[in-house]
């Protein structure tokens, strides 16, 4: 009777050990696959973040170029306003000369 109980306990222990080993192997394989996927995704994330940094740098350069162009435009517009004012003043001062010019 004791021998039968001992053998049943031994068999159950061996079955439990076998199940634990099989599950440990499955867990190890799953961990390997998951680690590979995490590595792939991490590499992809690093590539995307590098591309984002590059695009941000290009955007910053474009913004600086735009600000410089805006400053040049303001200066050109100020010069144009001065020239248009001078032209209008000259036209106003020489309006009386039109009387002497022939009409086409």
PDB file of N, CA and C in Angstrom:
ATOM      1  N   UNK A   1       0.818  -1.183   0.000  1.00  0.00           N
ATOM      2  CA  UNK A   1       0.000   0.000   0.000  1.00  0.00           C
ATOM      3  C   UNK A   1       0.870   1.258   0.000  1.00  0.00           C
ATOM      4  N   UNK A   2       1.899   1.238   0.810  1.00  0.00           N
ATOM      5  CA  UNK A   2       2.804   2.385   0.862  1.00  0.00           C
ATOM      6  C   UNK A   2       3.593   2.460  -0.432  1.00  0.00           C
ATOM      7  N   UNK A   3       3.946   1.293  -0.957  1.00  0.00           N
ATOM      8  CA  UNK A   3       4.698   1.270  -2.210  1.00  0.00           C
ATOM      9  C   UNK A   3       3.863   1.821  -3.357  1.00  0.00           C
ATOM     10  N   UNK A   4       2.581   1.532  -3.390  1.00  0.00           N
ATOM     11  CA  UNK A   4       1.683   2.026  -4.432  1.00  0.00           C
ATOM     12  C   UNK A   4       1.542   3.541  -4.299  1.00  0.00           C
ATOM     13  N   UNK A   5       1.379   4.033  -3.079  1.00  0.00           N
ATOM     14  CA  UNK A   5       1.270   5.479  -2.860  1.00  0.00           C
ATOM     15  C   UNK A   5       2.563   6.173  -3.273  1.00  0.00           C
ATOM     16  N   UNK A   6       3.701   5.549  -2.971  1.00  0.00           N
ATOM     17  CA  UNK A   6       4.994   6.107  -3.345  1.00  0.00           C
ATOM     18  C   UNK A   6       5.130   6.160  -4.868  1.00  0.00           C
ATOM     19  N   UNK A   7       4.737   5.101  -5.553  1.00  0.00           N
ATOM     20  CA  UNK A   7       4.835   5.050  -7.011  1.00  0.00           C
ATOM     21  C   UNK A   7       3.881   6.066  -7.662  1.00  0.00           C
ATOM     22  N   UNK A   8       2.664   6.187  -7.132  1.00  0.00           N
ATOM     23  CA  UNK A   8       1.712   7.177  -7.659  1.00  0.00           C
ATOM     24  C   UNK A   8       2.271   8.580  -7.457  1.00  0.00           C
ATOM     25  N   UNK A   9       2.823   8.866  -6.295  1.00  0.00           N
ATOM     26  CA  UNK A   9       3.426  10.177  -6.031  1.00  0.00           C
ATOM     27  C   UNK A   9       4.611  10.443  -6.949  1.00  0.00           C
ATOM     28  N   UNK A  10       5.431   9.425  -7.188  1.00  0.00           N
ATOM     29  CA  UNK A  10       6.579   9.564  -8.075  1.00  0.00           C
ATOM     30  C   UNK A  10       6.136   9.841  -9.513  1.00  0.00           C
ATOM     31  N   UNK A  11       5.125   9.091  -9.967  1.00  0.00           N
ATOM     32  CA  UNK A  11       4.605   9.291 -11.326  1.00  0.00           C
ATOM     33  C   UNK A  11       4.019  10.692 -11.464  1.00  0.00           C
ATOM     34  N   UNK A  12       3.235  11.115 -10.462  1.00  0.00           N
ATOM     35  CA  UNK A  12       2.647  12.464 -10.512  1.00  0.00           C
ATOM     36  C   UNK A  12       3.738  13.541 -10.485  1.00  0.00           C
ATOM     37  N   UNK A  13       4.764  13.325  -9.720  1.00  0.00           N
ATOM     38  CA  UNK A  13       5.882  14.283  -9.669  1.00  0.00           C
ATOM     39  C   UNK A  13       6.587  14.360 -11.009  1.00  0.00           C
ATOM     40  N   UNK A  14       6.810  13.199 -11.642  1.00  0.00           N
ATOM     41  CA  UNK A  14       7.467  13.179 -12.940  1.00  0.00           C
ATOM     42  C   UNK A  14       6.598  13.842 -14.010  1.00  0.00           C
ATOM     43  N   UNK A  15       5.294  13.586 -13.964  1.00  0.00           N
ATOM     44  CA  UNK A  15       4.372  14.225 -14.918  1.00  0.00           C
ATOM     45  C   UNK A  15       4.369  15.740 -14.699  1.00  0.00           C
ATOM     46  N   UNK A  16       4.326  16.166 -13.447  1.00  0.00           N
ATOM     47  CA  UNK A  16       4.367  17.595 -13.146  1.00  0.00           C
ATOM     48  C   UNK A  16       5.663  18.239 -13.607  1.00  0.00           C
ATOM     49  N   UNK A  17       6.779  17.531 -13.393  1.00  0.00           N
ATOM     50  CA  UNK A  17       8.071  18.034 -13.841  1.00  0.00           C
ATOM     51  C   UNK A  17       8.111  18.124 -15.367  1.00  0.00           C
ATOM     52  N   UNK A  18       7.568  17.127 -16.035  1.00  0.00           N
ATOM     53  CA  UNK A  18       7.514  17.130 -17.496  1.00  0.00           C
ATOM     54  C   UNK A  18       6.674  18.299 -18.016  1.00  0.00           C
ATOM     55  N   UNK A  19       5.510  18.532 -17.419  1.00  0.00           N
ATOM     56  CA  UNK A  19       4.639  19.642 -17.823  1.00  0.00           C
ATOM     57  C   UNK A  19       5.355  20.972 -17.588  1.00  0.00           C
ATOM     58  N   UNK A  20       6.020  21.093 -16.449  1.00  0.00           N
ATOM     59  CA  UNK A  20       6.745  22.330 -16.136  1.00  0.00           C
ATOM     60  C   UNK A  20       7.874  22.576 -17.145  1.00  0.00           C
ATOM     61  N   UNK A  21       8.588  21.519 -17.526  1.00  0.00           N
ATOM     62  CA  UNK A  21       9.679  21.665 -18.497  1.00  0.00           C
ATOM     63  C   UNK A  21       9.128  22.050 -19.857  1.00  0.00           C
ATOM     64  N   UNK A  22       8.041  21.409 -20.283  1.00  0.00           N
ATOM     65  CA  UNK A  22       7.429  21.723 -21.583  1.00  0.00           C
ATOM     66  C   UNK A  22       6.961  23.173 -21.600  1.00  0.00           C
ATOM     67  N   UNK A  23       6.340  23.620 -20.533  1.00  0.00           N
ATOM     68  CA  UNK A  23       5.861  25.009 -20.478  1.00  0.00           C
ATOM     69  C   UNK A  23       7.032  26.000 -20.395  1.00  0.00           C
ATOM     70  N   UNK A  24       8.083  25.601 -19.715  1.00  0.00           N
ATOM     71  CA  UNK A  24       9.264  26.477 -19.636  1.00  0.00           C
ATOM     72  C   UNK A  24       9.900  26.626 -21.019  1.00  0.00           C
ATOM     73  N   UNK A  25       9.961  25.541 -21.777  1.00  0.00           N
ATOM     74  CA  UNK A  25      10.501  25.609 -23.139  1.00  0.00           C
ATOM     75  C   UNK A  25       9.612  26.482 -24.017  1.00  0.00           C
ATOM     76  N   UNK A  26       8.300  26.321 -23.896  1.00  0.00           N
ATOM     77  CA  UNK A  26       7.373  27.143 -24.672  1.00  0.00           C
ATOM     78  C   UNK A  26       7.512  28.621 -24.294  1.00  0.00           C
ATOM     79  N   UNK A  27       7.670  28.887 -23.010  1.00  0.00           N
ATOM     80  CA  UNK A  27       7.849  30.262 -22.551  1.00  0.00           C
ATOM     81  C   UNK A  27       9.162  30.840 -23.084  1.00  0.00           C
ATOM     82  N   UNK A  28      10.224  30.046 -23.094  1.00  0.00           N
ATOM     83  CA  UNK A  28      11.517  30.501 -23.598  1.00  0.00           C
ATOM     84  C   UNK A  28      11.420  30.826 -25.094  1.00  0.00           C
ATOM     85  N   UNK A  29      10.736  29.961 -25.858  1.00  0.00           N
ATOM     86  CA  UNK A  29      10.559  30.211 -27.294  1.00  0.00           C
ATOM     87  C   UNK A  29       9.725  31.464 -27.540  1.00  0.00           C
ATOM     88  N   UNK A  30       8.654  31.615 -26.755  1.00  0.00           N
ATOM     89  CA  UNK A  30       7.811  32.804 -26.891  1.00  0.00           C
ATOM     90  C   UNK A  30       8.613  34.066 -26.556  1.00  0.00           C
ATOM     91  N   UNK A  31       9.434  33.981 -25.526  1.00  0.00           N
ATOM     92  CA  UNK A  31      10.280  35.117 -25.157  1.00  0.00           C
ATOM     93  C   UNK A  31      11.267  35.468 -26.256  1.00  0.00           C
ATOM     94  N   UNK A  32      11.804  34.456 -26.903  1.00  0.00           N
ATOM     95  CA  UNK A  32      12.717  34.683 -28.012  1.00  0.00           C
ATOM     96  C   UNK A  32      12.016  35.385 -29.172  1.00  0.00           C
ATOM     97  N   UNK A  33      10.826  34.906 -29.518  1.00  0.00           N
ATOM     98  CA  UNK A  33      10.068  35.535 -30.604  1.00  0.00           C
ATOM     99  C   UNK A  33       9.683  36.966 -30.242  1.00  0.00           C
ATOM    100  N   UNK A  34       9.215  37.140 -29.017  1.00  0.00           N
ATOM    101  CA  UNK A  34       8.801  38.478 -28.581  1.00  0.00           C
ATOM    102  C   UNK A  34       9.986  39.422 -28.544  1.00  0.00           C
ATOM    103  N   UNK A  35      11.131  38.941 -28.059  1.00  0.00           N
ATOM    104  CA  UNK A  35      12.328  39.777 -28.029  1.00  0.00           C
ATOM    105  C   UNK A  35      12.753  40.200 -29.420  1.00  0.00           C
ATOM    106  N   UNK A  36      12.634  39.301 -30.364  1.00  0.00           N
ATOM    107  CA  UNK A  36      12.955  39.633 -31.755  1.00  0.00           C
ATOM    108  C   UNK A  36      12.018  40.693 -32.306  1.00  0.00           C
ATOM    109  N   UNK A  37      10.736  40.538 -32.005  1.00  0.00           N
ATOM    110  CA  UNK A  37       9.751  41.526 -32.465  1.00  0.00           C
ATOM    111  C   UNK A  37      10.012  42.874 -31.826  1.00  0.00           C
ATOM    112  N   UNK A  38      10.312  42.881 -30.519  1.00  0.00           N
ATOM    113  CA  UNK A  38      10.617  44.138 -29.844  1.00  0.00           C
ATOM    114  C   UNK A  38      11.858  44.785 -30.453  1.00  0.00           C
ATOM    115  N   UNK A  39      12.848  43.972 -30.765  1.00  0.00           N
ATOM    116  CA  UNK A  39      14.059  44.508 -31.392  1.00  0.00           C
ATOM    117  C   UNK A  39      13.766  45.114 -32.749  1.00  0.00           C
ATOM    118  N   UNK A  40      12.942  44.429 -33.546  1.00  0.00           N
ATOM    119  CA  UNK A  40      12.568  44.950 -34.860  1.00  0.00           C
ATOM    120  C   UNK A  40      11.795  46.262 -34.732  1.00  0.00           C
ATOM    121  N   UNK A  41      10.836  46.276 -33.824  1.00  0.00           N
ATOM    122  CA  UNK A  41      10.039  47.487 -33.633  1.00  0.00           C
ATOM    123  C   UNK A  41      10.890  48.630 -33.082  1.00  0.00           C
ATOM    124  N   UNK A  42      11.822  48.309 -32.204  1.00  0.00           N
ATOM    125  CA  UNK A  42      12.702  49.328 -31.654  1.00  0.00           C
ATOM    126  C   UNK A  42      13.596  49.904 -32.747  1.00  0.00           C
ATOM    127  N   UNK A  43      14.097  49.065 -33.632  1.00  0.00           N
ATOM    128  CA  UNK A  43      14.899  49.535 -34.757  1.00  0.00           C
ATOM    129  C   UNK A  43      14.065  50.424 -35.667  1.00  0.00           C
ATOM    130  N   UNK A  44      12.840  50.001 -35.945  1.00  0.00           N
ATOM    131  CA  UNK A  44      11.946  50.795 -36.780  1.00  0.00           C
ATOM    132  C   UNK A  44      11.646  52.138 -36.117  1.00  0.00           C
ATOM    133  N   UNK A  45      11.432  52.122 -34.810  1.00  0.00           N
ATOM    134  CA  UNK A  45      11.170  53.355 -34.072  1.00  0.00           C
ATOM    135  C   UNK A  45      12.371  54.292 -34.142  1.00  0.00           C
ATOM    136  N   UNK A  46      13.574  53.748 -34.012  1.00  0.00           N
ATOM    137  CA  UNK A  46      14.782  54.576 -34.088  1.00  0.00           C
ATOM    138  C   UNK A  46      14.932  55.187 -35.475  1.00  0.00           C
ATOM    139  N   UNK A  47      14.639  54.416 -36.515  1.00  0.00           N
ATOM    140  CA  UNK A  47      14.717  54.950 -37.874  1.00  0.00           C
ATOM    141  C   UNK A  47      13.704  56.071 -38.073  1.00  0.00           C
ATOM    142  N   UNK A  48      12.501  55.851 -37.581  1.00  0.00           N
ATOM    143  CA  UNK A  48      11.463  56.884 -37.726  1.00  0.00           C
ATOM    144  C   UNK A  48      11.802  58.128 -36.926  1.00  0.00           C
ATOM    145  N   UNK A  49      12.345  57.963 -35.737  1.00  0.00           N
ATOM    146  CA  UNK A  49      12.697  59.133 -34.933  1.00  0.00           C
ATOM    147  C   UNK A  49      13.864  59.891 -35.576  1.00  0.00           C
ATOM    148  N   UNK A  50      14.808  59.167 -36.196  1.00  0.00           N
ATOM    149  CA  UNK A  50      15.899  59.844 -36.912  1.00  0.00           C
ATOM    150  C   UNK A  50      15.343  60.619 -38.102  1.00  0.00           C
ATOM    151  N   UNK A  51      14.403  60.031 -38.816  1.00  0.00           N
ATOM    152  CA  UNK A  51      13.772  60.721 -39.954  1.00  0.00           C
ATOM    153  C   UNK A  51      13.002  61.942 -39.471  1.00  0.00           C
ATOM    154  N   UNK A  52      12.330  61.819 -38.336  1.00  0.00           N
ATOM    155  CA  UNK A  52      11.592  62.951 -37.783  1.00  0.00           C
ATOM    156  C   UNK A  52      12.541  64.069 -37.395  1.00  0.00           C
ATOM    157  N   UNK A  53      13.672  63.720 -36.792  1.00  0.00           N
ATOM    158  CA  UNK A  53      14.658  64.739 -36.437  1.00  0.00           C
ATOM    159  C   UNK A  53      15.187  65.431 -37.690  1.00  0.00           C
ATOM    160  N   UNK A  54      15.412  64.670 -38.743  1.00  0.00           N
ATOM    161  CA  UNK A  54      15.892  65.249 -39.998  1.00  0.00           C
ATOM    162  C   UNK A  54      14.848  66.201 -40.574  1.00  0.00           C
ATOM    163  N   UNK A  55      13.591  65.788 -40.560  1.00  0.00           N
ATOM    164  CA  UNK A  55      12.526  66.655 -41.080  1.00  0.00           C
ATOM    165  C   UNK A  55      12.367  67.909 -40.242  1.00  0.00           C
ATOM    166  N   UNK A  56      12.524  67.786 -38.927  1.00  0.00           N
ATOM    167  CA  UNK A  56      12.443  68.966 -38.068  1.00  0.00           C
ATOM    168  C   UNK A  56      13.586  69.933 -38.353  1.00  0.00           C
ATOM    169  N   UNK A  57      14.784  69.396 -38.597  1.00  0.00           N
ATOM    170  CA  UNK A  57      15.923  70.257 -38.926  1.00  0.00           C
ATOM    171  C   UNK A  57      15.678  70.971 -40.258  1.00  0.00           C
ATOM    172  N   UNK A  58      15.159  70.237 -41.243  1.00  0.00           N
ATOM    173  CA  UNK A  58      14.844  70.858 -42.525  1.00  0.00           C
ATOM    174  C   UNK A  58      13.752  71.911 -42.373  1.00  0.00           C
ATOM    175  N   UNK A  59      12.776  71.634 -41.545  1.00  0.00           N
ATOM    176  CA  UNK A  59      11.708  72.595 -41.299  1.00  0.00           C
ATOM    177  C   UNK A  59      12.262  73.844 -40.625  1.00  0.00           C
ATOM    178  N   UNK A  60      13.182  73.659 -39.690  1.00  0.00           N
ATOM    179  CA  UNK A  60      13.798  74.802 -39.016  1.00  0.00           C
ATOM    180  C   UNK A  60      14.584  75.648 -40.014  1.00  0.00           C
ATOM    181  N   UNK A  61      15.354  74.989 -40.894  1.00  0.00           N
ATOM    182  CA  UNK A  61      16.097  75.720 -41.918  1.00  0.00           C
ATOM    183  C   UNK A  61      15.147  76.466 -42.852  1.00  0.00           C
ATOM    184  N   UNK A  62      14.056  75.811 -43.249  1.00  0.00           N
ATOM    185  CA  UNK A  62      13.088  76.452 -44.138  1.00  0.00           C
ATOM    186  C   UNK A  62      12.433  77.644 -43.451  1.00  0.00           C
ATOM    187  N   UNK A  63      12.170  77.516 -42.160  1.00  0.00           N
ATOM    188  CA  UNK A  63      11.581  78.620 -41.407  1.00  0.00           C
ATOM    189  C   UNK A  63      12.544  79.795 -41.339  1.00  0.00           C
ATOM    190  N   UNK A  64      13.837  79.526 -41.141  1.00  0.00           N
ATOM    191  CA  UNK A  64      14.826  80.600 -41.123  1.00  0.00           C
ATOM    192  C   UNK A  64      14.938  81.258 -42.495  1.00  0.00           C
ATOM    193  N   UNK A  65      14.902  80.452 -43.550  1.00  0.00           N
ATOM    194  CA  UNK A  65      14.925  81.011 -44.904  1.00  0.00           C
ATOM    195  C   UNK A  65      13.703  81.885 -45.148  1.00  0.00           C
ATOM    196  N   UNK A  66      12.556  81.445 -44.667  1.00  0.00           N
ATOM    197  CA  UNK A  66      11.329  82.219 -44.829  1.00  0.00           C
ATOM    198  C   UNK A  66      11.421  83.544 -44.086  1.00  0.00           C
ATOM    199  N   UNK A  67      11.963  83.518 -42.883  1.00  0.00           N
ATOM    200  CA  UNK A  67      12.114  84.768 -42.124  1.00  0.00           C
ATOM    201  C   UNK A  67      13.063  85.724 -42.834  1.00  0.00           C
ATOM    202  N   UNK A  68      14.155  85.200 -43.396  1.00  0.00           N
ATOM    203  CA  UNK A  68      15.092  86.051 -44.134  1.00  0.00           C
ATOM    204  C   UNK A  68      14.423  86.639 -45.374  1.00  0.00           C
ATOM    205  N   UNK A  69      13.656  85.809 -46.091  1.00  0.00           N
ATOM    206  CA  UNK A  69      12.955  86.291 -47.281  1.00  0.00           C
ATOM    207  C   UNK A  69      11.915  87.343 -46.909  1.00  0.00           C
ATOM    208  N   UNK A  70      11.248  87.162 -45.780  1.00  0.00           N
ATOM    209  CA  UNK A  70      10.262  88.137 -45.318  1.00  0.00           C
ATOM    210  C   UNK A  70      10.937  89.464 -44.989  1.00  0.00           C
ATOM    211  N   UNK A  71      12.109  89.396 -44.371  1.00  0.00           N
ATOM    212  CA  UNK A  71      12.847  90.630 -44.061  1.00  0.00           C
ATOM    213  C   UNK A  71      13.267  91.343 -45.347  1.00  0.00           C
ATOM    214  N   UNK A  72      13.734  90.573 -46.345  1.00  0.00           N
ATOM    215  CA  UNK A  72      14.100  91.190 -47.625  1.00  0.00           C
ATOM    216  C   UNK A  72      12.876  91.790 -48.310  1.00  0.00           C
ATOM    217  N   UNK A  73      11.748  91.104 -48.216  1.00  0.00           N
ATOM    218  CA  UNK A  73      10.523  91.612 -48.815  1.00  0.00           C
ATOM    219  C   UNK A  73      10.094  92.919 -48.153  1.00  0.00           C
ATOM    220  N   UNK A  74      10.204  92.984 -46.832  1.00  0.00           N
ATOM    221  CA  UNK A  74       9.849  94.228 -46.134  1.00  0.00           C
ATOM    222  C   UNK A  74      10.747  95.378 -46.585  1.00  0.00           C
ATOM    223  N   UNK A  75      12.050  95.104 -46.729  1.00  0.00           N
ATOM    224  CA  UNK A  75      12.980  96.144 -47.172  1.00  0.00           C
ATOM    225  C   UNK A  75      12.661  96.581 -48.597  1.00  0.00           C
ATOM    226  N   UNK A  76      12.384  95.613 -49.472  1.00  0.00           N
ATOM    227  CA  UNK A  76      12.042  95.949 -50.852  1.00  0.00           C
ATOM    228  C   UNK A  76      10.727  96.729 -50.914  1.00  0.00           C
ATOM    229  N   UNK A  77       9.787  96.332 -50.084  1.00  0.00           N
ATOM    230  CA  UNK A  77       8.493  97.029 -50.063  1.00  0.00           C
ATOM    231  C   UNK A  77       8.664  98.466 -49.563  1.00  0.00           C
ATOM    232  N   UNK A  78       9.532  98.666 -48.582  1.00  0.00           N
ATOM    233  CA  UNK A  78       9.793 100.018 -48.086  1.00  0.00           C
ATOM    234  C   UNK A  78      10.443 100.866 -49.179  1.00  0.00           C
ATOM    235  N   UNK A  79      11.392 100.282 -49.919  1.00  0.00           N
ATOM    236  CA  UNK A  79      12.018 101.012 -51.027  1.00  0.00           C
ATOM    237  C   UNK A  79      10.985 101.348 -52.100  1.00  0.00           C
ATOM    238  N   UNK A  80      10.104 100.392 -52.404  1.00  0.00           N
ATOM    239  CA  UNK A  80       9.056 100.634 -53.395  1.00  0.00           C
ATOM    240  C   UNK A  80       8.134 101.752 -52.944  1.00  0.00           C
ATOM    241  N   UNK A  81       7.766 101.751 -51.674  1.00  0.00           N
ATOM    242  CA  UNK A  81       6.898 102.811 -51.157  1.00  0.00           C
ATOM    243  C   UNK A  81       7.561 104.169 -51.292  1.00  0.00           C
ATOM    244  N   UNK A  82       8.866 104.237 -51.009  1.00  0.00           N
ATOM    245  CA  UNK A  82       9.597 105.504 -51.156  1.00  0.00           C
ATOM    246  C   UNK A  82       9.604 105.927 -52.623  1.00  0.00           C
ATOM    247  N   UNK A  83       9.898 104.993 -53.523  1.00  0.00           N
ATOM    248  CA  UNK A  83       9.918 105.325 -54.948  1.00  0.00           C
ATOM    249  C   UNK A  83       8.541 105.738 -55.462  1.00  0.00           C
ATOM    250  N   UNK A  84       7.493 105.028 -55.032  1.00  0.00           N
ATOM    251  CA  UNK A  84       6.135 105.394 -55.454  1.00  0.00           C
ATOM    252  C   UNK A  84       5.748 106.767 -54.918  1.00  0.00           C
ATOM    253  N   UNK A  85       6.142 107.065 -53.700  1.00  0.00           N
ATOM    254  CA  UNK A  85       5.866 108.392 -53.134  1.00  0.00           C
ATOM    255  C   UNK A  85       6.593 109.477 -53.889  1.00  0.00           C
ATOM    256  N   UNK A  86       7.853 109.212 -54.237  1.00  0.00           N
ATOM    257  CA  UNK A  86       8.632 110.186 -55.003  1.00  0.00           C
ATOM    258  C   UNK A  86       8.027 110.378 -56.390  1.00  0.00           C
ATOM    259  N   UNK A  87       7.606 109.290 -57.033  1.00  0.00           N
ATOM    260  CA  UNK A  87       6.972 109.381 -58.341  1.00  0.00           C
ATOM    261  C   UNK A  87       5.672 110.169 -58.266  1.00  0.00           C
ATOM    262  N   UNK A  88       4.864 109.898 -57.270  1.00  0.00           N
ATOM    263  CA  UNK A  88       3.604 110.629 -57.113  1.00  0.00           C
ATOM    264  C   UNK A  88       3.877 112.108 -56.867  1.00  0.00           C
ATOM    265  N   UNK A  89       4.904 112.424 -56.087  1.00  0.00           N
ATOM    266  CA  UNK A  89       5.269 113.809 -55.814  1.00  0.00           C
ATOM    267  C   UNK A  89       5.739 114.488 -57.096  1.00  0.00           C
ATOM    268  N   UNK A  90       6.547 113.788 -57.886  1.00  0.00           N
ATOM    269  CA  UNK A  90       7.024 114.362 -59.150  1.00  0.00           C
ATOM    270  C   UNK A  90       5.862 114.578 -60.110  1.00  0.00           C
ATOM    271  N   UNK A  91       4.927 113.647 -60.172  1.00  0.00           N
ATOM    272  CA  UNK A  91       3.761 113.811 -61.046  1.00  0.00           C
ATOM    273  C   UNK A  91       2.910 114.994 -60.592  1.00  0.00           C
ATOM    274  N   UNK A  92       2.766 115.163 -59.303  1.00  0.00           N
ATOM    275  CA  UNK A  92       1.977 116.278 -58.771  1.00  0.00           C
ATOM    276  C   UNK A  92       2.651 117.609 -59.103  1.00  0.00           C
ATOM    277  N   UNK A  93       3.981 117.644 -59.012  1.00  0.00           N
ATOM    278  CA  UNK A  93       4.713 118.887 -59.263  1.00  0.00           C
ATOM    279  C   UNK A  93       4.748 119.238 -60.756  1.00  0.00           C
ATOM    280  N   UNK A  94       4.694 118.238 -61.606  1.00  0.00           N
ATOM    281  CA  UNK A  94       4.784 118.513 -63.046  1.00  0.00           C
ATOM    282  C   UNK A  94       3.439 118.421 -63.746  1.00  0.00           C
ATOM    283  N   UNK A  95       2.376 118.411 -63.029  1.00  0.00           N
ATOM    284  CA  UNK A  95       1.045 118.295 -63.624  1.00  0.00           C
ATOM    285  C   UNK A  95       0.745 119.497 -64.521  1.00  0.00           C
ATOM    286  N   UNK A  96       1.206 120.648 -64.150  1.00  0.00           N
ATOM    287  CA  UNK A  96       0.918 121.868 -64.914  1.00  0.00           C
ATOM    288  C   UNK A  96       1.598 121.848 -66.285  1.00  0.00           C
ATOM    289  N   UNK A  97       2.667 121.008 -66.446  1.00  0.00           N
ATOM    290  CA  UNK A  97       3.348 120.932 -67.731  1.00  0.00           C
ATOM    291  C   UNK A  97       2.532 120.181 -68.778  1.00  0.00           C
ATOM    292  N   UNK A  98       1.558 119.438 -68.375  1.00  0.00           N
ATOM    293  CA  UNK A  98       0.728 118.670 -69.308  1.00  0.00           C
ATOM    294  C   UNK A  98      -0.053 119.589 -70.260  1.00  0.00           C
ATOM    295  N   UNK A  99      -0.252 120.779 -69.840  1.00  0.00           N
ATOM    296  CA  UNK A  99      -0.980 121.719 -70.680  1.00  0.00           C
ATOM    297  C   UNK A  99      -0.206 121.985 -71.969  1.00  0.00           C
ATOM    298  N   UNK A 100       1.103 121.983 -71.874  1.00  0.00           N
ATOM    299  CA  UNK A 100       1.936 122.294 -73.000  1.00  0.00           C
ATOM    300  C   UNK A 100       2.288 121.090 -73.865  1.00  0.00           C
ATOM    301  N   UNK A 101       1.967 119.881 -73.396  1.00  0.00           N
ATOM    302  CA  UNK A 101       2.295 118.675 -74.143  1.00  0.00           C
ATOM    303  C   UNK A 101       1.202 118.376 -75.160  1.00  0.00           C
ATOM    304  N   UNK A 102       1.592 117.896 -76.369  1.00  0.00           N
ATOM    305  CA  UNK A 102       0.536 117.584 -77.362  1.00  0.00           C
ATOM    306  C   UNK A 102      -0.250 116.334 -76.958  1.00  0.00           C
ATOM    307  N   UNK A 103      -1.499 116.337 -77.291  1.00  0.00           N
ATOM    308  CA  UNK A 103      -2.382 115.210 -77.000  1.00  0.00           C
ATOM    309  C   UNK A 103      -2.282 114.227 -78.144  1.00  0.00           C
ATOM    310  N   UNK A 104      -2.178 112.995 -77.849  1.00  0.00           N
ATOM    311  CA  UNK A 104      -2.070 111.963 -78.896  1.00  0.00           C
ATOM    312  C   UNK A 104      -3.383 111.655 -79.493  1.00  0.00           C
TER     313      UNK A 104
END
